[in-house]
All heavy atoms as atom14 arrays in JSON, in Angstrom:
{
  "sequence": "ASRPGRINIQSAAPLLKRAFGIKRAPAVAIIINSPG",
  "atom14_mask": [
    [1, 1, 1, 1, 1, 0, 0, 0, 0, 0, 0, 0, 0, 0],
    [1, 1, 1, 1, 1, 1, 0, 0, 0, 0, 0, 0, 0, 0],
    [1, 1, 1, 1, 1, 1, 1, 1, 1, 1, 1, 0, 0, 0],
    [1, 1, 1, 1, 1, 1, 1, 0, 0, 0, 0, 0, 0, 0],
    [1, 1, 1, 1, 0, 0, 0, 0, 0, 0, 0, 0, 0, 0],
    [1, 1, 1, 1, 1, 1, 1, 1, 1, 1, 1, 0, 0, 0],
    [1, 1, 1, 1, 1, 1, 1, 1, 0, 0, 0, 0, 0, 0],
    [1, 1, 1, 1, 1, 1, 1, 1, 0, 0, 0, 0, 0, 0],
    [1, 1, 1, 1, 1, 1, 1, 1, 0, 0, 0, 0, 0, 0],
    [1, 1, 1, 1, 1, 1, 1, 1, 1, 0, 0, 0, 0, 0],
    [1, 1, 1, 1, 1, 1, 0, 0, 0, 0, 0, 0, 0, 0],
    [1, 1, 1, 1, 1, 0, 0, 0, 0, 0, 0, 0, 0, 0],
    [1, 1, 1, 1, 1, 0, 0, 0, 0, 0, 0, 0, 0, 0],
    [1, 1, 1, 1, 1, 1, 1, 0, 0, 0, 0, 0, 0, 0],
    [1, 1, 1, 1, 1, 1, 1, 1, 0, 0, 0, 0, 0, 0],
    [1, 1, 1, 1, 1, 1, 1, 1, 0, 0, 0, 0, 0, 0],
    [1, 1, 1, 1, 1, 1, 1, 1, 1, 0, 0, 0, 0, 0],
    [1, 1, 1, 1, 1, 1, 1, 1, 1, 1, 1, 0, 0, 0],
    [1, 1, 1, 1, 1, 0, 0, 0, 0, 0, 0, 0, 0, 0],
    [1, 1, 1, 1, 1, 1, 1, 1, 1, 1, 1, 0, 0, 0],
    [1, 1, 1, 1, 0, 0, 0, 0, 0, 0, 0, 0, 0, 0],
    [1, 1, 1, 1, 1, 1, 1, 1, 0, 0, 0, 0, 0, 0],
    [1, 1, 1, 1, 1, 1, 1, 1, 1, 0, 0, 0, 0, 0],
    [1, 1, 1, 1, 1, 1, 1, 1, 1, 1, 1, 0, 0, 0],
    [1, 1, 1, 1, 1, 0, 0, 0, 0, 0, 0, 0, 0, 0],
    [1, 1, 1, 1, 1, 1, 1, 0, 0, 0, 0, 0, 0, 0],
    [1, 1, 1, 1, 1, 0, 0, 0, 0, 0, 0, 0, 0, 0],
    [1, 1, 1, 1, 1, 1, 1, 0, 0, 0, 0, 0, 0, 0],
    [1, 1, 1, 1, 1, 0, 0, 0, 0, 0, 0, 0, 0, 0],
    [1, 1, 1, 1, 1, 1, 1, 1, 0, 0, 0, 0, 0, 0],
    [1, 1, 1, 1, 1, 1, 1, 1, 0, 0, 0, 0, 0, 0],
    [1, 1, 1, 1, 1, 1, 1, 1, 0, 0, 0, 0, 0, 0],
    [1, 1, 1, 1, 1, 1, 1, 1, 0, 0, 0, 0, 0, 0],
    [1, 1, 1, 1, 1, 1, 0, 0, 0, 0, 0, 0, 0, 0],
    [1, 1, 1, 1, 1, 1, 1, 0, 0, 0, 0, 0, 0, 0],
    [1, 1, 1, 1, 0, 0, 0, 0, 0, 0, 0, 0, 0, 0]
  ],
  "atom14_positions": [
    [[64.31, 77.97, 131.44], [64.57, 77.39, 132.74], [63.97, 77.94, 133.87], [63.81, 79.26, 133.98], [66.22, 77.33, 133.0], [0.0, 0.0, 0.0], [0.0, 0.0, 0.0], [0.0, 0.0, 0.0], [0.0, 0.0, 0.0], [0.0, 0.0, 0.0], [0.0, 0.0, 0.0], [0.0, 0.0, 0.0], [0.0, 0.0, 0.0], [0.0, 0.0, 0.0]],
    [[63.37, 77.24, 134.68], [62.65, 77.78, 135.88], [63.54, 78.15, 137.11], [63.61, 77.31, 138.07], [61.56, 76.78, 136.32], [60.61, 76.6, 135.37], [0.0, 0.0, 0.0], [0.0, 0.0, 0.0], [0.0, 0.0, 0.0], [0.0, 0.0, 0.0], [0.0, 0.0, 0.0], [0.0, 0.0, 0.0], [0.0, 0.0, 0.0], [0.0, 0.0, 0.0]],
    [[64.24, 79.14, 136.94], [65.17, 79.63, 137.99], [64.74, 81.0, 138.58], [64.02, 81.71, 137.83], [66.6, 79.81, 137.47], [67.27, 78.56, 137.14], [68.74, 78.87, 136.67], [69.46, 77.7, 136.46], [69.67, 77.22, 135.19], [69.17, 77.8, 134.12], [70.38, 76.03, 135.01], [0.0, 0.0, 0.0], [0.0, 0.0, 0.0], [0.0, 0.0, 0.0]],
    [[64.96, 81.38, 139.8], [64.64, 82.7, 140.33], [65.3, 83.72, 139.44], [66.38, 83.66, 138.96], [65.24, 82.62, 141.78], [65.36, 81.28, 142.15], [65.69, 80.46, 140.78], [0.0, 0.0, 0.0], [0.0, 0.0, 0.0], [0.0, 0.0, 0.0], [0.0, 0.0, 0.0], [0.0, 0.0, 0.0], [0.0, 0.0, 0.0], [0.0, 0.0, 0.0]],
    [[64.53, 84.86, 139.17], [65.07, 86.04, 138.61], [65.09, 85.75, 137.12], [65.92, 86.25, 136.33], [0.0, 0.0, 0.0], [0.0, 0.0, 0.0], [0.0, 0.0, 0.0], [0.0, 0.0, 0.0], [0.0, 0.0, 0.0], [0.0, 0.0, 0.0], [0.0, 0.0, 0.0], [0.0, 0.0, 0.0], [0.0, 0.0, 0.0], [0.0, 0.0, 0.0]],
    [[64.11, 84.9, 136.55], [64.15, 84.65, 135.05], [62.73, 84.94, 134.52], [61.8, 84.86, 135.22], [64.5, 83.12, 134.83], [65.81, 82.7, 135.19], [66.9, 83.45, 134.47], [68.28, 82.83, 134.63], [69.18, 83.22, 135.51], [68.82, 84.17, 136.39], [70.3, 82.67, 135.73], [0.0, 0.0, 0.0], [0.0, 0.0, 0.0], [0.0, 0.0, 0.0]],
    [[62.61, 85.21, 133.29], [61.39, 85.56, 132.58], [61.12, 84.48, 131.61], [62.01, 84.2, 130.82], [61.37, 86.95, 131.91], [61.77, 88.06, 132.94], [60.07, 87.21, 131.21], [62.01, 89.44, 132.26], [0.0, 0.0, 0.0], [0.0, 0.0, 0.0], [0.0, 0.0, 0.0], [0.0, 0.0, 0.0], [0.0, 0.0, 0.0], [0.0, 0.0, 0.0]],
    [[59.93, 83.94, 131.74], [59.49, 83.0, 130.52], [57.91, 82.91, 130.59], [57.45, 83.54, 131.61], [60.22, 81.44, 130.87], [59.94, 81.03, 132.26], [58.82, 80.94, 132.83], [61.09, 80.65, 132.91], [0.0, 0.0, 0.0], [0.0, 0.0, 0.0], [0.0, 0.0, 0.0], [0.0, 0.0, 0.0], [0.0, 0.0, 0.0], [0.0, 0.0, 0.0]],
    [[57.37, 82.22, 129.71], [55.9, 82.08, 129.64], [55.36, 81.47, 130.88], [54.27, 81.77, 131.36], [55.56, 81.46, 128.3], [53.98, 81.71, 128.14], [55.97, 80.07, 128.29], [53.6, 83.08, 127.98], [0.0, 0.0, 0.0], [0.0, 0.0, 0.0], [0.0, 0.0, 0.0], [0.0, 0.0, 0.0], [0.0, 0.0, 0.0], [0.0, 0.0, 0.0]],
    [[56.06, 80.44, 131.39], [55.56, 79.78, 132.52], [55.44, 80.6, 133.75], [54.46, 80.4, 134.43], [56.45, 78.5, 132.68], [56.01, 77.59, 133.96], [56.97, 76.44, 134.19], [57.81, 76.18, 133.47], [56.67, 75.71, 135.3], [0.0, 0.0, 0.0], [0.0, 0.0, 0.0], [0.0, 0.0, 0.0], [0.0, 0.0, 0.0], [0.0, 0.0, 0.0]],
    [[56.4, 81.46, 134.03], [56.24, 82.22, 135.24], [55.48, 83.53, 134.93], [54.82, 83.94, 135.92], [57.74, 82.68, 135.63], [58.43, 83.38, 134.59], [0.0, 0.0, 0.0], [0.0, 0.0, 0.0], [0.0, 0.0, 0.0], [0.0, 0.0, 0.0], [0.0, 0.0, 0.0], [0.0, 0.0, 0.0], [0.0, 0.0, 0.0], [0.0, 0.0, 0.0]],
    [[55.49, 84.12, 133.72], [54.8, 85.3, 133.5], [53.24, 85.11, 133.18], [52.57, 85.96, 133.62], [55.51, 86.06, 132.27], [0.0, 0.0, 0.0], [0.0, 0.0, 0.0], [0.0, 0.0, 0.0], [0.0, 0.0, 0.0], [0.0, 0.0, 0.0], [0.0, 0.0, 0.0], [0.0, 0.0, 0.0], [0.0, 0.0, 0.0], [0.0, 0.0, 0.0]],
    [[52.91, 84.02, 132.62], [51.54, 83.87, 132.22], [50.52, 83.88, 133.44], [49.48, 84.73, 133.36], [51.31, 82.58, 131.58], [0.0, 0.0, 0.0], [0.0, 0.0, 0.0], [0.0, 0.0, 0.0], [0.0, 0.0, 0.0], [0.0, 0.0, 0.0], [0.0, 0.0, 0.0], [0.0, 0.0, 0.0], [0.0, 0.0, 0.0], [0.0, 0.0, 0.0]],
    [[50.68, 83.3, 134.58], [49.8, 83.44, 135.73], [49.59, 84.84, 136.17], [48.6, 85.22, 136.6], [50.49, 82.54, 136.77], [51.38, 81.55, 136.1], [51.92, 82.44, 134.83], [0.0, 0.0, 0.0], [0.0, 0.0, 0.0], [0.0, 0.0, 0.0], [0.0, 0.0, 0.0], [0.0, 0.0, 0.0], [0.0, 0.0, 0.0], [0.0, 0.0, 0.0]],
    [[50.78, 85.59, 136.26], [50.74, 86.9, 136.64], [49.9, 87.84, 135.75], [49.12, 88.64, 136.14], [52.15, 87.45, 136.84], [53.16, 86.81, 137.82], [54.47, 87.48, 137.76], [52.66, 86.73, 139.16], [0.0, 0.0, 0.0], [0.0, 0.0, 0.0], [0.0, 0.0, 0.0], [0.0, 0.0, 0.0], [0.0, 0.0, 0.0], [0.0, 0.0, 0.0]],
    [[50.21, 87.62, 134.46], [49.48, 88.43, 133.48], [48.0, 88.11, 133.39], [47.16, 89.02, 133.26], [50.08, 88.17, 132.05], [51.63, 88.68, 131.93], [52.19, 88.07, 130.62], [51.63, 90.26, 131.9], [0.0, 0.0, 0.0], [0.0, 0.0, 0.0], [0.0, 0.0, 0.0], [0.0, 0.0, 0.0], [0.0, 0.0, 0.0], [0.0, 0.0, 0.0]],
    [[47.68, 86.88, 133.51], [46.31, 86.51, 133.54], [45.55, 87.18, 134.61], [44.27, 87.59, 134.59], [46.19, 84.93, 133.65], [44.74, 84.35, 133.4], [44.83, 82.93, 133.37], [43.28, 82.32, 133.15], [43.35, 80.98, 133.08], [0.0, 0.0, 0.0], [0.0, 0.0, 0.0], [0.0, 0.0, 0.0], [0.0, 0.0, 0.0], [0.0, 0.0, 0.0]],
    [[46.2, 87.12, 135.98], [45.49, 87.79, 137.02], [45.33, 89.21, 136.72], [44.33, 89.85, 137.14], [46.38, 87.42, 138.25], [46.14, 86.14, 138.73], [47.14, 85.7, 139.83], [47.3, 86.83, 140.87], [48.39, 86.86, 141.78], [49.34, 86.12, 141.53], [48.39, 87.86, 142.67], [0.0, 0.0, 0.0], [0.0, 0.0, 0.0], [0.0, 0.0, 0.0]],
    [[46.39, 89.95, 136.28], [46.32, 91.32, 136.0], [45.24, 91.66, 135.03], [44.46, 92.7, 135.37], [47.62, 91.77, 135.65], [0.0, 0.0, 0.0], [0.0, 0.0, 0.0], [0.0, 0.0, 0.0], [0.0, 0.0, 0.0], [0.0, 0.0, 0.0], [0.0, 0.0, 0.0], [0.0, 0.0, 0.0], [0.0, 0.0, 0.0], [0.0, 0.0, 0.0]],
    [[45.07, 91.07, 133.97], [44.18, 91.41, 132.98], [42.75, 90.96, 133.28], [41.73, 91.25, 132.75], [44.51, 90.68, 131.6], [45.58, 91.56, 130.8], [46.88, 91.23, 130.97], [45.23, 92.53, 130.0], [47.94, 91.74, 130.29], [46.33, 93.28, 129.29], [47.59, 92.95, 129.47], [0.0, 0.0, 0.0], [0.0, 0.0, 0.0], [0.0, 0.0, 0.0]],
    [[42.75, 90.08, 134.36], [41.36, 89.62, 134.83], [40.81, 90.59, 135.75], [39.57, 90.3, 136.21], [0.0, 0.0, 0.0], [0.0, 0.0, 0.0], [0.0, 0.0, 0.0], [0.0, 0.0, 0.0], [0.0, 0.0, 0.0], [0.0, 0.0, 0.0], [0.0, 0.0, 0.0], [0.0, 0.0, 0.0], [0.0, 0.0, 0.0], [0.0, 0.0, 0.0]],
    [[41.33, 91.68, 136.22], [40.74, 92.57, 137.02], [39.77, 93.41, 136.15], [40.14, 94.38, 135.43], [41.79, 93.54, 137.68], [42.55, 92.64, 138.69], [41.12, 94.54, 138.59], [43.78, 93.28, 139.41], [0.0, 0.0, 0.0], [0.0, 0.0, 0.0], [0.0, 0.0, 0.0], [0.0, 0.0, 0.0], [0.0, 0.0, 0.0], [0.0, 0.0, 0.0]],
    [[38.56, 93.34, 136.26], [37.51, 93.84, 135.25], [37.54, 95.39, 135.3], [37.37, 96.0, 134.27], [36.19, 93.2, 135.59], [36.12, 91.7, 135.32], [34.62, 91.25, 135.61], [34.46, 89.71, 135.21], [33.22, 89.28, 135.52], [0.0, 0.0, 0.0], [0.0, 0.0, 0.0], [0.0, 0.0, 0.0], [0.0, 0.0, 0.0], [0.0, 0.0, 0.0]],
    [[37.72, 95.92, 136.47], [37.39, 97.39, 136.45], [38.66, 98.15, 136.17], [38.68, 99.46, 136.19], [36.81, 97.84, 137.73], [37.65, 97.64, 139.07], [36.81, 97.82, 140.32], [37.69, 97.58, 141.57], [38.0, 98.65, 142.35], [37.72, 99.94, 141.88], [38.67, 98.54, 143.31], [0.0, 0.0, 0.0], [0.0, 0.0, 0.0], [0.0, 0.0, 0.0]],
    [[39.67, 97.52, 135.76], [41.05, 98.18, 135.55], [41.0, 98.5, 134.01], [40.76, 97.66, 133.23], [42.25, 97.36, 135.92], [0.0, 0.0, 0.0], [0.0, 0.0, 0.0], [0.0, 0.0, 0.0], [0.0, 0.0, 0.0], [0.0, 0.0, 0.0], [0.0, 0.0, 0.0], [0.0, 0.0, 0.0], [0.0, 0.0, 0.0], [0.0, 0.0, 0.0]],
    [[41.12, 99.8, 133.68], [41.21, 100.2, 132.29], [42.39, 99.92, 131.52], [42.5, 99.99, 130.25], [40.99, 101.78, 132.27], [41.55, 102.09, 133.63], [41.24, 100.98, 134.6], [0.0, 0.0, 0.0], [0.0, 0.0, 0.0], [0.0, 0.0, 0.0], [0.0, 0.0, 0.0], [0.0, 0.0, 0.0], [0.0, 0.0, 0.0], [0.0, 0.0, 0.0]],
    [[43.44, 99.64, 132.41], [44.8, 99.33, 131.8], [45.56, 98.48, 132.7], [45.32, 98.28, 133.76], [45.57, 100.7, 131.63], [0.0, 0.0, 0.0], [0.0, 0.0, 0.0], [0.0, 0.0, 0.0], [0.0, 0.0, 0.0], [0.0, 0.0, 0.0], [0.0, 0.0, 0.0], [0.0, 0.0, 0.0], [0.0, 0.0, 0.0], [0.0, 0.0, 0.0]],
    [[46.75, 98.0, 132.07], [47.66, 97.07, 132.84], [49.05, 97.69, 132.7], [49.38, 97.97, 131.56], [47.73, 95.69, 132.37], [48.76, 94.81, 133.07], [46.36, 94.96, 132.85], [0.0, 0.0, 0.0], [0.0, 0.0, 0.0], [0.0, 0.0, 0.0], [0.0, 0.0, 0.0], [0.0, 0.0, 0.0], [0.0, 0.0, 0.0], [0.0, 0.0, 0.0]],
    [[49.78, 97.81, 133.77], [51.02, 98.32, 133.7], [52.02, 97.28, 133.87], [51.96, 96.44, 134.71], [51.29, 99.39, 134.89], [0.0, 0.0, 0.0], [0.0, 0.0, 0.0], [0.0, 0.0, 0.0], [0.0, 0.0, 0.0], [0.0, 0.0, 0.0], [0.0, 0.0, 0.0], [0.0, 0.0, 0.0], [0.0, 0.0, 0.0], [0.0, 0.0, 0.0]],
    [[52.95, 97.14, 132.95], [53.99, 96.12, 132.88], [55.36, 96.87, 133.1], [55.84, 97.71, 132.29], [53.95, 95.27, 131.78], [52.7, 94.62, 131.63], [55.02, 94.4, 131.7], [52.4, 93.81, 130.36], [0.0, 0.0, 0.0], [0.0, 0.0, 0.0], [0.0, 0.0, 0.0], [0.0, 0.0, 0.0], [0.0, 0.0, 0.0], [0.0, 0.0, 0.0]],
    [[56.03, 96.35, 134.18], [57.49, 96.95, 134.32], [58.54, 95.89, 133.75], [58.44, 94.75, 134.06], [57.86, 97.1, 135.84], [56.85, 98.06, 136.54], [59.27, 97.5, 136.06], [56.96, 98.08, 138.09], [0.0, 0.0, 0.0], [0.0, 0.0, 0.0], [0.0, 0.0, 0.0], [0.0, 0.0, 0.0], [0.0, 0.0, 0.0], [0.0, 0.0, 0.0]],
    [[59.25, 96.42, 132.87], [60.3, 95.53, 132.24], [61.78, 95.93, 132.71], [62.12, 97.18, 132.65], [60.16, 95.78, 130.68], [58.96, 95.05, 130.09], [61.41, 94.96, 130.15], [58.84, 93.7, 130.07], [0.0, 0.0, 0.0], [0.0, 0.0, 0.0], [0.0, 0.0, 0.0], [0.0, 0.0, 0.0], [0.0, 0.0, 0.0], [0.0, 0.0, 0.0]],
    [[62.47, 94.95, 132.98], [64.01, 95.2, 133.45], [64.67, 93.85, 132.97], [64.71, 93.01, 133.69], [64.05, 95.43, 134.77], [65.44, 96.09, 135.17], [66.15, 96.67, 134.33], [65.96, 95.95, 136.37], [0.0, 0.0, 0.0], [0.0, 0.0, 0.0], [0.0, 0.0, 0.0], [0.0, 0.0, 0.0], [0.0, 0.0, 0.0], [0.0, 0.0, 0.0]],
    [[65.07, 93.78, 131.64], [65.77, 92.65, 131.24], [66.67, 92.99, 130.14], [66.55, 93.82, 129.21], [64.75, 91.75, 130.66], [65.22, 90.61, 130.02], [0.0, 0.0, 0.0], [0.0, 0.0, 0.0], [0.0, 0.0, 0.0], [0.0, 0.0, 0.0], [0.0, 0.0, 0.0], [0.0, 0.0, 0.0], [0.0, 0.0, 0.0], [0.0, 0.0, 0.0]],
    [[67.97, 92.28, 130.21], [68.94, 92.45, 129.1], [68.64, 91.47, 127.92], [69.49, 91.58, 127.0], [70.24, 92.05, 129.99], [69.86, 91.0, 130.77], [68.41, 91.36, 131.33], [0.0, 0.0, 0.0], [0.0, 0.0, 0.0], [0.0, 0.0, 0.0], [0.0, 0.0, 0.0], [0.0, 0.0, 0.0], [0.0, 0.0, 0.0], [0.0, 0.0, 0.0]],
    [[67.63, 90.63, 128.06], [67.41, 89.8, 126.82], [67.49, 88.44, 127.1], [67.5, 88.06, 128.36], [0.0, 0.0, 0.0], [0.0, 0.0, 0.0], [0.0, 0.0, 0.0], [0.0, 0.0, 0.0], [0.0, 0.0, 0.0], [0.0, 0.0, 0.0], [0.0, 0.0, 0.0], [0.0, 0.0, 0.0], [0.0, 0.0, 0.0], [0.0, 0.0, 0.0]]
  ]
}
């Protein structure tokens, strides 16, 4: 469900794509805070 404060592929994919798209970055840091 697309609600605020939720994790799903629809909300996460655009953020992850932008992060991994930064060419000169050797790594990507991902902060996780979720009960499942």
